[in-house]
Amino acid sequence: MKLGNLEKINLREVWAREDTHFTQWLAKEENISVLLDEIGVSAENIKTEDNAGKFNCDITADEVESGKKIIIENQLEKTDHSHLGQLITYASSFDASIIVWVVADSRDEHKQAIEWFNRNMTENISFFLVKIEVWKIGDSIPAPKFNIVVEPNDWAKITLNRGSASKELTDTKLEKLRFWEELKDYSDNNPSKLRITRKPRPQHWYSMSIGIRDISLNFIHNTRTSSIAVDIYINQQDIYDKIQLKKDYFESLCGELEFEWLALPEKKASRILTSKSCDLHNEEQWEEYFKWLIQTGEVLSNAIIKSFK
């Protein structure tokens, strides 16, 4: 078998300008989701050149579910003091919780600065330094690759904050984190059509993109109701209304699954949910639950894509 050789492409050959080319490209749903998948979050309300006083932040967004503010500062060059200062300015202006610096390359001094921020910030604030590369094989279309250079040390933060009543991670949250970590390990060894790539967090949901703006797919771990669930999270009421008009068609694509259709006009999103009762504390059954979540997620993803079209 003949194999091709990977060729690294100069970023400026792909995006001549940082503001009008790269930032606009990155802000598209299908592109920013690749970056955020690496980080382990999903986003909505994506804006470019968002005003921060006399300055403009390259990209701002809100994290799906939590609503935490995300800011992204782009630099298609080696890191410098000017962009580090801009990053801090935008983070404070938008009261951001997730701060991302996308760069062509990083200096050791700036890498150390981001590491220092993560060591000394609370669990609610996280800094990421991400290197972007572009590669191709032969005459193939160039493909971007995001590599995380610096990210928060979550386990260190868990340890540091256990003594704080406001930050403490309970046994329940730790169990959720371990459940998602093992689900991700299971998916790595049992490939599916879903993009189960995000870093697990100690929360009751695990979110992933399905390639449609304002729609995401979520796995739910609910200890209160002793159940797991898969839901379609829809951020725009008009999109939910359009899909609900095709309710019979959508459900016909999902076999015997039963759904709750949750139009939530008083909240920022609506949901389509199916659930399964289970004993989440019985770890011997976790693999069975992982299989159900992934198979059900594939069915719902296919149904929502066909219904949306």
Protein backbone atom coordinates (compact mmCIF):
# COMPACT_ATOMS: atom_id res chain seq x y z
CA MET A 1 0.00 0.00 0.00
CA LYS A 2 1.38 3.38 -1.02
CA LEU A 3 1.10 6.08 1.64
CA GLY A 4 1.25 9.83 1.21
CA ASN A 5 3.42 12.31 3.06
CA LEU A 6 2.06 14.96 5.38
CA GLU A 7 2.98 18.49 4.32
CA LYS A 8 2.70 21.45 6.68
CA ILE A 9 1.23 24.58 5.07
CA ASN A 10 2.12 28.17 5.93
CA LEU A 11 -0.91 29.68 7.68
CA ARG A 12 -0.70 32.86 5.60
CA GLU A 13 -1.13 30.82 2.42
CA VAL A 14 -4.56 29.83 3.71
CA TRP A 15 -5.56 33.02 5.54
CA ALA A 16 -3.77 36.12 4.27
CA ARG A 17 -5.36 38.36 6.88
CA GLU A 18 -6.07 37.54 10.50
CA ASP A 19 -9.19 39.70 10.92
CA THR A 20 -11.08 39.41 7.65
CA HIS A 21 -9.99 35.89 6.72
CA PHE A 22 -9.03 33.72 9.70
CA THR A 23 -11.38 35.18 12.33
CA GLN A 24 -14.35 35.06 9.94
CA TRP A 25 -13.50 31.47 9.01
CA LEU A 26 -13.11 30.38 12.63
CA ALA A 27 -16.42 31.95 13.69
CA LYS A 28 -18.41 29.64 11.41
CA GLU A 29 -20.23 26.87 13.30
CA GLU A 30 -18.50 24.00 11.52
CA ASN A 31 -15.04 25.46 12.24
CA ILE A 32 -15.35 26.82 15.77
CA SER A 33 -16.87 23.52 16.86
CA VAL A 34 -13.61 21.77 15.90
CA LEU A 35 -11.64 24.13 18.15
CA LEU A 36 -14.13 23.91 21.01
CA ASP A 37 -14.32 20.12 20.73
CA GLU A 38 -10.62 20.06 21.60
CA ILE A 39 -11.26 22.28 24.61
CA GLY A 40 -14.37 20.41 25.72
CA VAL A 41 -17.12 23.02 25.43
CA SER A 42 -19.86 24.00 22.98
CA ALA A 43 -20.89 27.54 22.09
CA GLU A 44 -23.78 29.68 20.92
CA ASN A 45 -24.34 33.39 20.24
CA ILE A 46 -21.05 33.58 18.34
CA LYS A 47 -19.97 37.13 17.46
CA THR A 48 -16.91 38.57 15.72
CA GLU A 49 -15.23 41.91 16.46
CA ASP A 50 -17.39 42.29 19.58
CA ASN A 51 -17.02 45.71 21.18
CA ALA A 52 -14.98 46.00 24.39
CA GLY A 53 -14.84 49.73 25.03
CA LYS A 54 -12.47 51.23 22.47
CA PHE A 55 -11.31 47.77 21.38
CA ASN A 56 -12.85 44.78 19.59
CA CYS A 57 -12.47 41.15 20.68
CA ASP A 58 -11.93 38.75 17.78
CA ILE A 59 -14.64 36.27 18.82
CA THR A 60 -17.05 36.08 21.74
CA ALA A 61 -19.62 33.38 22.48
CA ASP A 62 -21.67 31.84 25.29
CA GLU A 63 -21.17 28.29 26.47
CA VAL A 64 -24.23 26.15 25.83
CA GLU A 65 -26.11 25.22 29.04
CA SER A 66 -24.00 27.25 31.52
CA GLY A 67 -24.10 30.54 29.61
CA LYS A 68 -20.49 31.27 30.60
CA LYS A 69 -18.77 33.84 28.40
CA ILE A 70 -16.11 32.58 26.00
CA ILE A 71 -13.59 34.90 24.35
CA ILE A 72 -11.13 33.96 21.61
CA GLU A 73 -8.11 36.04 20.66
CA ASN A 74 -6.39 35.06 17.39
CA GLN A 75 -2.76 35.58 16.45
CA LEU A 76 -1.39 34.00 13.28
CA GLU A 77 2.14 34.74 14.45
CA LYS A 78 4.31 33.83 17.40
CA THR A 79 2.84 35.07 20.70
CA ASP A 80 3.76 38.57 21.86
CA HIS A 81 3.13 40.87 24.83
CA SER A 82 0.63 42.98 22.90
CA HIS A 83 -1.77 40.11 22.27
CA LEU A 84 -1.37 38.82 25.83
CA GLY A 85 -2.43 42.25 27.06
CA GLN A 86 -5.39 42.24 24.67
CA LEU A 87 -6.40 38.81 25.95
CA ILE A 88 -6.51 40.04 29.56
CA THR A 89 -8.31 43.24 28.58
CA TYR A 90 -11.04 41.35 26.72
CA ALA A 91 -11.36 38.77 29.51
CA SER A 92 -12.04 41.53 32.04
CA SER A 93 -14.30 43.55 29.71
CA PHE A 94 -16.59 40.58 29.04
CA ASP A 95 -16.17 38.97 32.48
CA ALA A 96 -15.15 35.83 30.59
CA SER A 97 -14.87 32.39 32.16
CA ILE A 98 -13.25 30.61 29.21
CA ILE A 99 -10.34 32.49 27.63
CA VAL A 100 -8.77 31.08 24.46
CA TRP A 101 -5.64 32.33 22.70
CA VAL A 102 -5.21 30.76 19.23
CA VAL A 103 -1.69 31.22 17.89
CA ALA A 104 0.72 30.09 15.19
CA ASP A 105 3.42 29.43 17.77
CA SER A 106 4.11 30.28 21.42
CA ARG A 107 7.07 31.72 23.30
CA ASP A 108 8.05 29.95 26.52
CA GLU A 109 7.44 33.14 28.52
CA HIS A 110 3.83 33.40 27.33
CA LYS A 111 3.21 29.69 27.85
CA GLN A 112 4.42 30.12 31.43
CA ALA A 113 2.14 33.15 31.85
CA ILE A 114 -0.96 31.15 30.82
CA GLU A 115 0.08 28.29 33.10
CA TRP A 116 0.46 30.79 35.95
CA PHE A 117 -3.04 32.16 35.33
CA ASN A 118 -4.51 28.65 35.51
CA ARG A 119 -2.65 27.80 38.72
CA ASN A 120 -3.87 30.94 40.46
CA MET A 121 -7.39 31.39 39.10
CA THR A 122 -10.54 29.91 40.61
CA GLU A 123 -12.28 26.94 39.04
CA ASN A 124 -14.66 29.34 37.26
CA ILE A 125 -11.94 30.86 35.06
CA SER A 126 -9.95 28.80 32.56
CA PHE A 127 -7.22 29.85 30.13
CA PHE A 128 -6.31 27.91 26.99
CA LEU A 129 -3.33 28.41 24.71
CA VAL A 130 -3.97 26.67 21.39
CA LYS A 131 -1.64 26.26 18.43
CA ILE A 132 -3.18 26.02 14.97
CA GLU A 133 -1.52 24.16 12.12
CA VAL A 134 -2.62 23.35 8.57
CA TRP A 135 -1.64 20.11 6.86
CA LYS A 136 -2.31 18.33 3.58
CA ILE A 137 -1.40 15.06 1.89
CA GLY A 138 -0.37 15.39 -1.74
CA ASP A 139 -3.00 17.40 -3.59
CA SER A 140 -5.60 17.11 -0.85
CA ILE A 141 -7.52 20.07 0.55
CA PRO A 142 -5.58 21.66 3.45
CA ALA A 143 -6.92 20.62 6.86
CA PRO A 144 -6.60 22.62 10.10
CA LYS A 145 -5.38 21.00 13.30
CA PHE A 146 -5.78 22.60 16.74
CA ASN A 147 -3.25 21.51 19.36
CA ILE A 148 -3.76 22.51 22.99
CA VAL A 149 -0.49 23.83 24.39
CA VAL A 150 -1.79 24.89 27.82
CA GLU A 151 -5.09 24.05 29.53
CA PRO A 152 -6.32 24.11 33.14
CA ASN A 153 -5.25 21.31 35.41
CA ASP A 154 -8.74 20.25 36.45
CA TRP A 155 -7.64 17.64 38.93
CA ALA A 156 -5.36 20.14 40.63
CA LYS A 157 -8.27 22.57 40.90
CA ILE A 158 -10.49 19.87 42.34
CA THR A 159 -7.91 19.18 45.04
CA LEU A 160 -7.29 22.86 45.79
CA ASN A 161 -10.96 23.69 46.07
CA ARG A 162 -12.16 20.79 48.18
CA GLY A 163 -11.75 22.88 51.30
CA SER A 164 -13.92 25.67 49.93
CA ALA A 165 -17.64 25.30 50.47
CA SER A 166 -18.43 27.39 47.39
CA LYS A 167 -16.11 25.43 45.08
CA GLU A 168 -16.24 21.95 46.48
CA LEU A 169 -16.79 19.10 44.04
CA THR A 170 -19.16 16.67 45.69
CA ASP A 171 -18.95 12.90 45.38
CA THR A 172 -21.87 13.13 42.95
CA LYS A 173 -19.96 15.51 40.66
CA LEU A 174 -16.87 13.35 40.83
CA GLU A 175 -18.98 10.34 39.86
CA LYS A 176 -20.39 12.27 36.88
CA LEU A 177 -16.88 13.20 35.80
CA ARG A 178 -15.74 9.58 35.98
CA PHE A 179 -18.88 8.42 34.13
CA TRP A 180 -18.12 10.77 31.20
CA GLU A 181 -14.43 9.87 31.21
CA GLU A 182 -15.26 6.18 30.94
CA LEU A 183 -17.90 6.87 28.27
CA LYS A 184 -15.26 8.71 26.23
CA ASP A 185 -12.85 5.79 26.67
CA TYR A 186 -15.62 3.42 25.55
CA SER A 187 -16.32 5.55 22.45
CA ASP A 188 -12.60 5.66 21.58
CA ASN A 189 -12.61 1.86 21.46
CA ASN A 190 -16.05 1.58 19.81
CA PRO A 191 -16.10 4.22 17.04
CA SER A 192 -19.44 5.82 16.20
CA LYS A 193 -20.77 8.53 13.91
CA LEU A 194 -20.95 10.94 16.86
CA ARG A 195 -18.17 13.38 17.66
CA ILE A 196 -17.45 12.32 21.24
CA THR A 197 -14.24 14.31 21.49
CA ARG A 198 -14.80 16.93 24.17
CA LYS A 199 -13.01 16.81 27.46
CA PRO A 200 -15.33 15.41 30.19
CA ARG A 201 -16.44 17.81 32.93
CA PRO A 202 -17.97 17.20 36.40
CA GLN A 203 -21.50 18.10 35.28
CA HIS A 204 -24.73 16.28 34.48
CA TRP A 205 -24.46 16.64 30.68
CA TYR A 206 -22.00 15.88 27.90
CA SER A 207 -22.54 18.01 24.81
CA MET A 208 -21.44 17.55 21.21
CA SER A 209 -21.93 19.28 17.88
CA ILE A 210 -23.94 17.70 15.05
CA GLY A 211 -22.91 20.30 12.49
CA ILE A 212 -26.04 22.47 12.60
CA ARG A 213 -25.87 25.98 14.02
CA ASP A 214 -27.93 26.49 17.22
CA ILE A 215 -28.55 22.74 17.66
CA SER A 216 -26.50 20.40 19.84
CA LEU A 217 -26.81 16.81 21.05
CA ASN A 218 -26.50 16.10 24.78
CA PHE A 219 -26.09 13.01 26.91
CA ILE A 220 -27.66 13.43 30.36
CA HIS A 221 -26.67 11.76 33.66
CA ASN A 222 -29.47 12.41 36.16
CA THR A 223 -28.95 10.98 39.65
CA ARG A 224 -32.08 12.75 40.96
CA THR A 225 -34.39 10.78 38.64
CA SER A 226 -32.07 7.72 38.36
CA SER A 227 -31.98 7.98 34.60
CA ILE A 228 -29.85 8.66 31.56
CA ALA A 229 -31.13 10.60 28.58
CA VAL A 230 -30.31 11.93 25.16
CA ASP A 231 -31.67 15.28 24.13
CA ILE A 232 -31.61 17.66 21.21
CA TYR A 233 -30.89 21.16 22.53
CA ILE A 234 -32.27 23.86 20.21
CA ASN A 235 -31.23 27.44 20.82
CA GLN A 236 -33.71 29.17 18.48
CA GLN A 237 -37.47 28.95 18.98
CA ASP A 238 -38.21 29.25 15.26
CA ILE A 239 -35.97 26.23 14.55
CA TYR A 240 -37.77 24.21 17.23
CA ASP A 241 -41.15 25.25 15.76
CA LYS A 242 -40.04 24.18 12.28
CA ILE A 243 -38.94 20.75 13.52
CA GLN A 244 -42.09 20.29 15.61
CA LEU A 245 -44.13 20.67 12.42
CA LYS A 246 -42.34 17.49 11.30
CA LYS A 247 -42.87 15.73 14.63
CA ASP A 248 -44.46 12.61 13.14
CA TYR A 249 -41.68 12.29 10.56
CA PHE A 250 -38.98 12.82 13.21
CA GLU A 251 -40.43 10.18 15.53
CA SER A 252 -40.91 7.72 12.64
CA LEU A 253 -37.14 7.84 12.11
CA CYS A 254 -36.52 6.91 15.76
CA GLY A 255 -38.27 3.55 15.98
CA GLU A 256 -39.79 2.78 19.38
CA LEU A 257 -38.15 5.63 21.28
CA GLU A 258 -40.55 7.86 23.18
CA PHE A 259 -39.98 11.61 23.46
CA GLU A 260 -40.75 14.64 25.55
CA TRP A 261 -41.12 17.75 23.39
CA LEU A 262 -40.18 20.65 25.66
CA ALA A 263 -40.91 24.05 24.19
CA LEU A 264 -39.41 26.41 26.75
CA PRO A 265 -40.18 29.96 25.57
CA GLU A 266 -39.30 31.42 28.99
CA LYS A 267 -35.80 29.96 28.70
CA LYS A 268 -33.14 30.40 26.04
CA ALA A 269 -33.59 26.97 24.45
CA SER A 270 -36.07 24.16 23.75
CA ARG A 271 -35.45 20.43 23.94
CA ILE A 272 -36.47 17.09 22.47
CA LEU A 273 -35.65 14.38 25.02
CA THR A 274 -35.77 10.61 25.42
CA SER A 275 -34.71 8.89 28.64
CA LYS A 276 -34.05 5.49 30.22
CA SER A 277 -34.36 4.51 33.88
CA CYS A 278 -31.23 3.00 35.36
CA ASP A 279 -29.10 2.51 38.46
CA LEU A 280 -26.26 4.97 37.91
CA HIS A 281 -24.40 3.77 41.00
CA ASN A 282 -24.08 0.26 39.57
CA GLU A 283 -20.80 0.61 37.68
CA GLU A 284 -21.07 -2.91 36.29
CA GLN A 285 -23.93 -1.61 34.12
CA TRP A 286 -22.12 1.49 32.87
CA GLU A 287 -20.98 -0.11 29.62
CA GLU A 288 -24.59 -0.99 28.82
CA TYR A 289 -25.56 2.64 29.49
CA PHE A 290 -22.74 3.91 27.27
CA LYS A 291 -23.95 1.69 24.44
CA TRP A 292 -27.54 2.95 24.83
CA LEU A 293 -26.47 6.61 24.91
CA ILE A 294 -24.32 6.32 21.80
CA GLN A 295 -26.78 4.26 19.78
CA THR A 296 -29.66 6.53 20.76
CA GLY A 297 -27.55 9.60 20.03
CA GLU A 298 -26.82 8.31 16.53
CA VAL A 299 -30.54 7.78 15.91
CA LEU A 300 -31.49 11.26 17.14
CA SER A 301 -28.67 12.93 15.25
CA ASN A 302 -29.77 11.29 12.01
CA ALA A 303 -33.42 12.17 12.65
CA ILE A 304 -32.76 15.83 13.46
CA ILE A 305 -30.52 16.31 10.42
CA LYS A 306 -33.13 14.81 8.09
CA SER A 307 -35.97 16.76 9.75
CA PHE A 308 -34.03 20.02 9.66
CA LYS A 309 -33.36 19.65 5.95
